[in-house]
Amino acid sequence: MTNKDLSEFTDEELLAEAKKMKSFSITNALFIGFLVGVVFYSIVKNSWGMLTLIPLYFIYKMVNDPKNKRSKDLEELLKERKLN
């Protein structure tokens, strides 16, 4: 599947893309929450090491994922077209 620009999508394609992005966002949020829990557990157990740093790295990568930026652009386009 090619990544076309969001402005080239039809209304139906935008709504389908929004549905995919919503499930991606929920999954991403659950995984980030799990990793934050691992970090807190590590801090409570007084071990500031790899068990703390690795989840922090993955959280950083998930937050700066290009799909998150695309999701924000998609939300703006949906509001612009009044599909939301």
Protein backbone atom coordinates (compact mmCIF):
# COMPACT_ATOMS: atom_id res chain seq x y z
CA MET A 1 0.00 0.00 0.00
CA THR A 2 1.38 3.36 -0.92
CA ASN A 3 1.29 6.25 1.50
CA LYS A 4 -0.66 8.93 -0.28
CA ASP A 5 -1.08 12.35 1.12
CA LEU A 6 -4.09 12.55 3.44
CA SER A 7 -5.61 15.40 1.46
CA GLU A 8 -5.94 13.05 -1.54
CA PHE A 9 -8.14 10.61 0.40
CA THR A 10 -11.87 10.44 -0.13
CA ASP A 11 -14.20 10.83 2.83
CA GLU A 12 -14.68 7.07 3.15
CA GLU A 13 -10.94 6.44 3.02
CA LEU A 14 -10.38 9.10 5.69
CA LEU A 15 -12.93 7.49 7.99
CA ALA A 16 -11.35 4.06 7.48
CA GLU A 17 -7.90 5.51 8.17
CA ALA A 18 -9.25 7.20 11.31
CA LYS A 19 -10.57 3.86 12.53
CA LYS A 20 -7.15 2.23 12.01
CA MET A 21 -5.39 5.11 13.74
CA LYS A 22 -7.76 4.89 16.71
CA SER A 23 -6.95 1.22 17.29
CA PHE A 24 -3.24 2.01 16.84
CA SER A 25 -3.48 4.81 19.40
CA ILE A 26 -5.24 2.63 21.96
CA THR A 27 -2.70 -0.17 21.57
CA ASN A 28 0.15 2.32 21.77
CA ALA A 29 -1.29 3.90 24.93
CA LEU A 30 -1.71 0.52 26.62
CA PHE A 31 1.87 -0.47 25.82
CA ILE A 32 3.22 2.88 27.03
CA GLY A 33 1.24 2.46 30.26
CA PHE A 34 2.72 -0.99 30.77
CA LEU A 35 6.23 0.36 30.23
CA VAL A 36 5.63 3.22 32.66
CA GLY A 37 4.53 0.60 35.19
CA VAL A 38 7.77 -1.29 34.64
CA VAL A 39 9.74 1.93 35.20
CA PHE A 40 7.87 2.72 38.43
CA TYR A 41 8.37 -0.83 39.69
CA SER A 42 12.06 -0.55 38.92
CA ILE A 43 12.35 2.76 40.79
CA VAL A 44 10.44 1.41 43.81
CA LYS A 45 12.75 -1.58 43.97
CA ASN A 46 15.71 0.85 44.03
CA SER A 47 17.27 -0.42 40.87
CA TRP A 48 18.13 2.37 38.46
CA GLY A 49 19.61 0.43 35.58
CA MET A 50 18.76 -1.36 32.39
CA LEU A 51 15.29 -2.29 33.63
CA THR A 52 14.56 1.42 33.84
CA LEU A 53 16.43 2.73 30.81
CA ILE A 54 15.16 0.28 28.20
CA PRO A 55 11.46 1.03 28.77
CA LEU A 56 12.21 4.76 28.79
CA TYR A 57 13.87 4.40 25.38
CA PHE A 58 10.87 2.50 23.98
CA ILE A 59 8.45 5.09 25.38
CA TYR A 60 10.47 7.84 23.68
CA LYS A 61 10.41 5.98 20.35
CA MET A 62 6.64 5.38 20.56
CA VAL A 63 5.84 8.98 21.37
CA ASN A 64 7.96 10.25 18.45
CA ASP A 65 6.57 7.69 15.99
CA PRO A 66 5.64 9.12 12.57
CA LYS A 67 2.23 7.42 12.86
CA ASN A 68 1.44 9.68 15.81
CA LYS A 69 2.16 12.74 13.69
CA ARG A 70 0.04 11.31 10.87
CA SER A 71 -2.76 10.70 13.35
CA LYS A 72 -2.74 14.38 14.38
CA ASP A 73 -2.82 15.46 10.74
CA LEU A 74 -5.71 13.07 10.13
CA GLU A 75 -7.70 14.53 13.03
CA GLU A 76 -7.19 18.05 11.70
CA LEU A 77 -8.32 17.02 8.21
CA LEU A 78 -11.42 15.29 9.61
CA LYS A 79 -12.36 18.46 11.49
CA GLU A 80 -11.73 20.54 8.39
CA ARG A 81 -14.06 18.34 6.32
CA LYS A 82 -16.52 18.12 9.23
CA LEU A 83 -16.49 14.33 9.26
CA ASN A 84 -15.93 13.98 12.98
